[in-house]
Amino acid sequence: MRAGARPRPVPPPDQVASRFSHPHLYDNMTTKHRIIQVGSLAGSPTANQNLAERYDVVELWKYPDRKAALAEHGKGITAVVTSANHGADAELINALPDLKAICSWGVGYETIDIQAAKQRGVQVSNTPDVLTDCVADLAWGLLIAGARRMGQGERFVRAGLWGSGQVHGSIPLGLRVSGKKLGIVGLGRIGEAIARRGAGFDMDIRYHNRRKRDDVPYGYEASLTGLAEWADFLVVATVGGAGTRHLVNRDVLEALGPDGIVVNIARGPVIDEAALVAALQAGKLGCAALDVFEHEPKVPEALMISDKAVVLPHIGSATLETRLSMENLVLENLQAFFETGKVVTPAE
């Protein structure tokens, strides 16, 4: 988060349906603006429906020939809705001669060709802040689950292996979390929220970033390998994209060590997955607790069967409150663009 920037407040559950949930606000519109929706926003319970109610939506994913659909429907389209899953490549951007705005559902935008958008003068918005707390919460859930062997323990109980007279069964002892050393890769909005939670566990906290920040109380490590050597837990919270692909490589993972735990709630390709599997199998890394993977939804078999791994299906923002807030922010960006020509939360 930039110095002095204030996070967007997340509304409480009883207020999460904003003004965009009330169609009567649009009764005075004589015609609907026409937009292209690149893919279904199935991760939100009402996003597709609300977009269809408010706009004349060309549902691009339903056309078998995408190129022909863009040629047929693209003229006059000034706004596109997408997500990190569906993206917006240069081919799509350049196929829309009147395009002025791309509104993305989610905080990541590595699948949107930002350079192509800039060359065309196209604004790109995402949905920051509203998912920060839920993703940070999940990072801590993964960290604790990995350290305390929660996944292994649950499987042990469900399999009926907990014999009488055993306090904790025969599974190996876990690791204490409180008072340990927490390293964070990427101290942006989510990384900072993770760090704040670490203070509650009396942890020593350091981070690795593209540049040192002067507005936080945490120690800075210019070397990622150096951070891993120091840390007990390494949480990956950096942006995705080509610039961070395999940032966490074999050297970093082995520096974390045989008792170290790596947590990833960022993007799968930030970690070299093959190197991760090799380090776990060789006993050079203690545990991997992952919400994201390099080739989603494909997860290596070695991770699925390993007691040294906690694996989740990319659910960092998957709460009712956060998904509705993300949906509302997409709608807010669209409405602001059509009313003022400017989106509310331009991608940084």
Protein backbone atom coordinates (compact mmCIF):
# COMPACT_ATOMS: atom_id res chain seq x y z
CA MET A 1 0.00 0.00 0.00
CA ARG A 2 1.32 3.42 -0.84
CA ALA A 3 2.34 5.68 2.02
CA GLY A 4 -0.66 7.57 3.31
CA ALA A 5 -3.10 5.42 1.33
CA ARG A 6 -6.17 4.25 3.18
CA PRO A 7 -7.66 0.81 2.49
CA ARG A 8 -11.17 0.65 1.09
CA PRO A 9 -13.47 -0.37 3.96
CA VAL A 10 -15.15 -3.75 3.65
CA PRO A 11 -18.84 -3.39 4.55
CA PRO A 12 -20.34 -5.65 7.21
CA PRO A 13 -22.42 -8.57 5.93
CA ASP A 14 -25.75 -6.83 6.46
CA GLN A 15 -24.60 -3.88 4.35
CA VAL A 16 -22.65 -5.69 1.65
CA ALA A 17 -25.42 -5.30 -0.94
CA SER A 18 -24.67 -1.76 -2.05
CA ARG A 19 -26.59 0.66 -4.19
CA PHE A 20 -25.70 -1.55 -7.16
CA SER A 21 -28.04 -4.21 -5.78
CA HIS A 22 -31.05 -1.96 -6.34
CA PRO A 23 -32.24 -1.98 -9.96
CA HIS A 24 -34.58 0.96 -9.44
CA LEU A 25 -31.55 3.24 -9.56
CA TYR A 26 -31.38 2.40 -13.25
CA ASP A 27 -35.07 2.93 -14.07
CA ASN A 28 -34.36 6.29 -15.68
CA MET A 29 -31.95 4.76 -18.19
CA THR A 30 -33.60 4.61 -21.59
CA THR A 31 -30.93 2.34 -23.08
CA LYS A 32 -28.32 0.09 -21.61
CA HIS A 33 -24.64 0.57 -22.32
CA ARG A 34 -23.25 -2.32 -24.33
CA ILE A 35 -20.26 -4.18 -22.90
CA ILE A 36 -18.29 -7.34 -23.58
CA GLN A 37 -17.88 -9.83 -20.74
CA VAL A 38 -14.89 -12.04 -21.48
CA GLY A 39 -15.81 -14.92 -19.16
CA SER A 40 -18.33 -15.94 -16.55
CA LEU A 41 -17.77 -14.46 -13.09
CA ALA A 42 -18.93 -17.69 -11.49
CA GLY A 43 -16.96 -16.99 -8.31
CA SER A 44 -19.55 -14.39 -7.34
CA PRO A 45 -23.10 -15.53 -6.64
CA THR A 46 -24.84 -12.70 -8.50
CA ALA A 47 -22.28 -10.96 -10.71
CA ASN A 48 -23.41 -12.38 -14.05
CA GLN A 49 -27.04 -11.62 -13.27
CA ASN A 50 -26.39 -8.06 -12.11
CA LEU A 51 -24.25 -7.27 -15.13
CA ALA A 52 -27.00 -8.59 -17.42
CA GLU A 53 -29.64 -6.49 -15.65
CA ARG A 54 -27.66 -3.26 -15.92
CA TYR A 55 -25.92 -3.63 -19.27
CA ASP A 56 -26.39 -5.05 -22.74
CA VAL A 57 -23.82 -7.83 -22.30
CA VAL A 58 -22.06 -9.69 -25.09
CA GLU A 59 -21.10 -12.93 -23.31
CA LEU A 60 -17.94 -13.67 -25.23
CA TRP A 61 -17.24 -17.06 -23.65
CA LYS A 62 -20.44 -18.45 -25.12
CA TYR A 63 -19.31 -17.90 -28.71
CA PRO A 64 -17.44 -20.84 -30.31
CA ASP A 65 -15.48 -18.49 -32.57
CA ARG A 66 -14.13 -15.69 -30.38
CA LYS A 67 -12.45 -13.82 -33.23
CA ALA A 68 -15.65 -13.79 -35.30
CA ALA A 69 -17.68 -12.65 -32.28
CA LEU A 70 -15.34 -9.72 -31.67
CA ALA A 71 -15.53 -8.75 -35.33
CA GLU A 72 -19.33 -8.92 -35.26
CA HIS A 73 -20.01 -7.23 -31.94
CA GLY A 74 -16.86 -5.22 -31.18
CA LYS A 75 -17.59 -1.96 -32.95
CA GLY A 76 -18.86 0.63 -30.49
CA ILE A 77 -17.86 -1.37 -27.41
CA THR A 78 -16.08 0.95 -24.98
CA ALA A 79 -15.90 -1.27 -21.87
CA VAL A 80 -14.91 -4.87 -21.17
CA VAL A 81 -15.43 -6.89 -17.98
CA THR A 82 -13.00 -9.68 -17.21
CA SER A 83 -11.11 -11.35 -14.36
CA ALA A 84 -7.62 -12.69 -13.69
CA ASN A 85 -8.81 -16.09 -14.87
CA HIS A 86 -10.03 -14.82 -18.25
CA GLY A 87 -7.69 -11.86 -18.79
CA ALA A 88 -7.58 -9.49 -21.76
CA ASP A 89 -4.75 -10.06 -24.20
CA ALA A 90 -3.47 -7.73 -26.91
CA GLU A 91 -5.51 -9.53 -29.55
CA LEU A 92 -8.75 -8.79 -27.71
CA ILE A 93 -7.78 -5.21 -26.93
CA ASN A 94 -6.79 -4.46 -30.52
CA ALA A 95 -9.93 -6.12 -31.87
CA LEU A 96 -12.06 -3.45 -30.15
CA PRO A 97 -11.42 -0.13 -31.93
CA ASP A 98 -13.54 1.93 -29.50
CA LEU A 99 -12.37 0.31 -26.26
CA LYS A 100 -11.67 2.74 -23.40
CA ALA A 101 -11.91 0.68 -20.19
CA ILE A 102 -11.23 -2.83 -18.91
CA CYS A 103 -12.86 -3.57 -15.55
CA SER A 104 -11.44 -6.68 -13.90
CA TRP A 105 -12.95 -8.72 -11.08
CA GLY A 106 -10.12 -9.49 -8.63
CA VAL A 107 -6.92 -7.84 -7.53
CA GLY A 108 -4.49 -9.60 -9.89
CA TYR A 109 -4.14 -8.33 -13.44
CA GLU A 110 -1.14 -10.24 -14.78
CA THR A 111 -3.35 -11.83 -17.47
CA ILE A 112 -4.30 -8.40 -18.83
CA ASP A 113 -1.87 -6.94 -21.35
CA ILE A 114 -1.28 -3.66 -19.54
CA GLN A 115 1.22 -2.46 -22.13
CA ALA A 116 -1.24 -3.00 -25.00
CA ALA A 117 -3.90 -1.18 -22.99
CA LYS A 118 -1.58 1.78 -22.32
CA GLN A 119 -0.64 2.03 -25.97
CA ARG A 120 -4.33 2.33 -26.81
CA GLY A 121 -5.13 4.69 -23.93
CA VAL A 122 -7.38 2.08 -22.31
CA GLN A 123 -7.97 2.34 -18.56
CA VAL A 124 -7.67 -0.86 -16.51
CA SER A 125 -9.34 -1.25 -13.12
CA ASN A 126 -9.21 -4.03 -10.56
CA THR A 127 -10.81 -4.62 -7.15
CA PRO A 128 -8.14 -3.94 -4.50
CA ASP A 129 -8.56 -3.61 -0.73
CA VAL A 130 -11.94 -5.34 -0.46
CA LEU A 131 -10.29 -8.78 -0.50
CA THR A 132 -7.20 -7.92 1.55
CA ASP A 133 -8.42 -9.14 4.93
CA CYS A 134 -9.88 -12.43 3.73
CA VAL A 135 -6.74 -13.34 1.80
CA ALA A 136 -4.56 -12.40 4.79
CA ASP A 137 -6.79 -14.48 7.06
CA LEU A 138 -6.39 -17.47 4.77
CA ALA A 139 -2.61 -17.04 4.70
CA TRP A 140 -2.61 -17.40 8.46
CA GLY A 141 -4.96 -20.37 8.28
CA LEU A 142 -2.51 -22.09 5.92
CA LEU A 143 0.49 -21.15 8.05
CA ILE A 144 -1.04 -22.59 11.22
CA ALA A 145 -2.40 -25.64 9.40
CA GLY A 146 1.07 -26.38 8.06
CA ALA A 147 2.87 -25.81 11.34
CA ARG A 148 0.39 -27.76 13.47
CA ARG A 149 -0.23 -30.55 10.93
CA MET A 150 -3.96 -29.85 10.87
CA GLY A 151 -4.62 -31.42 7.48
CA GLN A 152 -2.70 -34.55 8.40
CA GLY A 153 -4.46 -34.70 11.76
CA GLU A 154 -7.90 -34.42 10.22
CA ARG A 155 -7.15 -37.17 7.70
CA PHE A 156 -5.84 -39.30 10.57
CA VAL A 157 -9.06 -38.94 12.55
CA ARG A 158 -11.37 -39.39 9.55
CA ALA A 159 -9.54 -42.61 8.61
CA GLY A 160 -10.26 -44.04 12.09
CA LEU A 161 -6.57 -44.31 12.98
CA TRP A 162 -6.73 -42.57 16.35
CA GLY A 163 -6.24 -45.45 18.77
CA SER A 164 -7.23 -45.49 22.43
CA GLY A 165 -4.77 -44.23 25.00
CA GLN A 166 -3.06 -41.83 22.58
CA VAL A 167 -3.17 -38.12 23.30
CA HIS A 168 -2.41 -36.97 19.77
CA GLY A 169 -2.28 -40.18 17.82
CA SER A 170 0.90 -41.31 16.13
CA ILE A 171 1.32 -38.34 13.79
CA PRO A 172 4.55 -36.37 14.19
CA LEU A 173 4.66 -33.36 16.46
CA GLY A 174 4.05 -29.98 14.87
CA LEU A 175 5.83 -26.67 15.29
CA ARG A 176 4.95 -23.74 17.51
CA VAL A 177 3.86 -20.59 15.67
CA SER A 178 4.02 -17.89 18.34
CA GLY A 179 7.31 -16.11 18.79
CA LYS A 180 8.84 -17.35 15.55
CA LYS A 181 10.36 -15.46 12.60
CA LEU A 182 8.00 -14.46 9.78
CA GLY A 183 9.31 -13.52 6.34
CA ILE A 184 6.96 -11.91 3.83
CA VAL A 185 7.64 -11.79 0.10
CA GLY A 186 5.88 -8.68 -1.18
CA LEU A 187 4.76 -6.07 1.35
CA GLY A 188 1.79 -4.63 -0.50
CA ARG A 189 -1.75 -4.40 0.81
CA ILE A 190 -2.09 -8.10 1.53
CA GLY A 191 1.50 -8.56 2.70
CA GLU A 192 1.09 -5.73 5.18
CA ALA A 193 -2.17 -7.20 6.49
CA ILE A 194 -0.38 -10.53 7.00
CA ALA A 195 2.41 -8.74 8.88
CA ARG A 196 -0.05 -6.97 11.19
CA ARG A 197 -1.53 -10.32 12.14
CA GLY A 198 1.96 -11.64 12.82
CA ALA A 199 2.44 -8.99 15.49
CA GLY A 200 -0.41 -10.61 17.40
CA PHE A 201 1.61 -13.82 17.48
CA ASP A 202 4.63 -11.99 18.94
CA MET A 203 6.65 -12.69 15.81
CA ASP A 204 9.79 -11.05 14.52
CA ILE A 205 8.82 -9.83 11.04
CA ARG A 206 10.93 -9.02 8.01
CA TYR A 207 10.09 -8.61 4.34
CA HIS A 208 11.55 -8.66 0.84
CA ASN A 209 10.24 -6.12 -1.67
CA ARG A 210 11.31 -4.51 -4.90
CA ARG A 211 12.28 -1.57 -2.73
CA LYS A 212 12.57 -0.76 0.95
CA ARG A 213 9.61 0.96 2.58
CA ASP A 214 10.13 3.72 5.12
CA ASP A 215 6.56 3.72 6.42
CA VAL A 216 6.51 0.29 8.13
CA PRO A 217 8.16 -1.01 11.32
CA TYR A 218 9.34 -4.29 9.81
CA GLY A 219 12.89 -5.24 8.89
CA TYR A 220 13.87 -5.19 5.21
CA GLU A 221 15.89 -7.94 3.51
CA ALA A 222 17.30 -6.98 0.12
CA SER A 223 18.06 -10.64 -0.63
CA LEU A 224 15.17 -13.10 -0.88
CA THR A 225 17.53 -15.98 -0.16
CA GLY A 226 18.74 -14.10 2.90
CA LEU A 227 15.16 -13.64 4.08
CA ALA A 228 14.50 -17.36 3.64
CA GLU A 229 17.65 -18.29 5.59
CA TRP A 230 16.47 -16.11 8.48
CA ALA A 231 12.78 -17.06 8.51
CA ASP A 232 10.86 -19.91 10.08
CA PHE A 233 7.87 -19.14 7.87
CA LEU A 234 7.99 -17.59 4.40
CA VAL A 235 4.69 -16.18 3.13
CA VAL A 236 4.47 -15.32 -0.57
CA ALA A 237 2.20 -12.31 -1.15
CA THR A 238 3.77 -10.65 -4.18
CA VAL A 239 2.14 -9.84 -7.51
CA GLY A 240 2.10 -12.43 -10.28
CA GLY A 241 3.25 -12.12 -13.88
CA ALA A 242 6.46 -12.59 -15.81
CA GLY A 243 8.47 -10.40 -13.43
CA THR A 244 7.92 -12.72 -10.45
CA ARG A 245 7.78 -16.13 -12.20
CA HIS A 246 9.84 -18.64 -10.17
CA LEU A 247 10.99 -15.87 -7.86
CA VAL A 248 10.88 -18.48 -5.10
CA ASN A 249 13.29 -20.98 -6.63
CA ARG A 250 15.30 -23.97 -5.43
CA ASP A 251 17.90 -21.82 -3.67
CA VAL A 252 15.22 -19.91 -1.76
CA LEU A 253 13.33 -23.06 -0.77
CA GLU A 254 16.46 -24.85 0.40
CA ALA A 255 17.54 -21.75 2.32
CA LEU A 256 14.26 -21.93 4.23
CA GLY A 257 15.41 -25.34 5.39
CA PRO A 258 14.11 -28.72 6.53
CA ASP A 259 11.93 -27.19 9.27
CA GLY A 260 10.82 -24.16 7.24
CA ILE A 261 7.30 -23.65 5.94
CA VAL A 262 6.43 -21.77 2.75
CA VAL A 263 2.91 -20.36 2.30
CA ASN A 264 1.62 -19.12 -1.05
CA ILE A 265 -1.54 -17.03 -1.41
CA ALA A 266 -0.19 -14.96 -4.33
CA ARG A 267 0.04 -16.67 -7.72
CA GLY A 268 1.16 -20.24 -8.36
CA PRO A 269 3.99 -19.50 -10.83
CA VAL A 270 5.78 -17.30 -8.26
CA ILE A 271 7.10 -20.59 -6.82
CA ASP A 272 9.04 -23.04 -8.97
CA GLU A 273 6.66 -25.94 -8.39
CA ALA A 274 9.04 -28.65 -9.60
CA ALA A 275 11.73 -27.34 -7.24
CA LEU A 276 9.16 -27.22 -4.43
CA VAL A 277 8.19 -30.86 -4.90
CA ALA A 278 11.85 -31.89 -5.08
CA ALA A 279 12.72 -30.01 -1.89
CA LEU A 280 9.85 -31.60 0.04
CA GLN A 281 10.69 -35.10 -1.17
CA ALA A 282 14.38 -34.66 -0.35
CA GLY A 283 13.64 -33.38 3.16
CA LYS A 284 15.16 -29.99 2.36
CA LEU A 285 11.89 -28.14 3.09
CA GLY A 286 9.56 -28.74 5.99
CA CYS A 287 6.13 -27.97 4.54
CA ALA A 288 4.31 -26.17 1.75
CA ALA A 289 0.91 -24.62 2.48
CA LEU A 290 -0.62 -23.55 -0.82
CA ASP A 291 -3.79 -21.90 -2.07
CA VAL A 292 -2.43 -21.42 -5.61
CA PHE A 293 -0.56 -23.59 -8.10
CA GLU A 294 1.54 -23.17 -11.19
CA HIS A 295 -0.86 -24.91 -13.58
CA GLU A 296 -4.29 -24.53 -11.96
CA PRO A 297 -6.46 -26.47 -11.56
CA LYS A 298 -3.82 -29.17 -12.03
CA VAL A 299 -2.03 -30.00 -8.78
CA PRO A 300 1.00 -32.31 -8.74
CA GLU A 301 0.15 -35.74 -7.38
CA ALA A 302 3.19 -35.52 -5.12
CA LEU A 303 1.62 -32.55 -3.32
CA MET A 304 -1.83 -34.12 -3.06
CA ILE A 305 -0.55 -37.22 -1.30
CA SER A 306 2.13 -35.58 0.83
CA ASP A 307 1.71 -35.03 4.57
CA LYS A 308 4.20 -32.19 4.13
CA ALA A 309 1.71 -30.18 2.05
CA VAL A 310 -1.53 -28.35 2.71
CA VAL A 311 -3.45 -27.74 -0.52
CA LEU A 312 -6.51 -25.56 -1.12
CA PRO A 313 -8.40 -24.72 -4.36
CA HIS A 314 -7.55 -20.99 -4.68
CA ILE A 315 -10.10 -19.79 -2.11
CA GLY A 316 -8.25 -16.73 -0.78
CA SER A 317 -11.14 -14.33 -1.49
CA ALA A 318 -13.88 -16.95 -1.33
CA THR A 319 -16.15 -15.54 1.33
CA LEU A 320 -19.66 -14.27 0.74
CA GLU A 321 -18.81 -10.80 2.02
CA THR A 322 -15.67 -10.37 -0.05
CA ARG A 323 -17.06 -11.76 -3.30
CA LEU A 324 -20.06 -9.42 -3.09
CA SER A 325 -17.76 -6.50 -2.35
CA MET A 326 -15.64 -7.39 -5.39
CA GLU A 327 -18.75 -7.57 -7.54
CA ASN A 328 -19.95 -4.20 -6.29
CA LEU A 329 -16.58 -2.62 -7.02
CA VAL A 330 -16.64 -3.91 -10.61
CA LEU A 331 -20.10 -2.37 -11.01
CA GLU A 332 -18.88 0.86 -9.41
CA ASN A 333 -15.97 1.05 -11.83
CA LEU A 334 -18.27 0.46 -14.80
CA GLN A 335 -20.80 3.05 -13.70
CA ALA A 336 -18.10 5.62 -12.96
CA PHE A 337 -16.55 5.06 -16.38
CA PHE A 338 -19.84 5.54 -18.21
CA GLU A 339 -20.78 8.59 -16.12
CA THR A 340 -17.42 10.35 -15.81
CA GLY A 341 -15.05 8.64 -18.23
CA LYS A 342 -12.83 7.51 -15.35
CA VAL A 343 -12.70 4.27 -13.39
CA VAL A 344 -12.61 4.43 -9.59
CA THR A 345 -9.79 1.98 -8.83
CA PRO A 346 -7.24 2.04 -11.68
CA ALA A 347 -4.77 -0.85 -11.57
CA GLU A 348 -1.44 0.37 -10.20
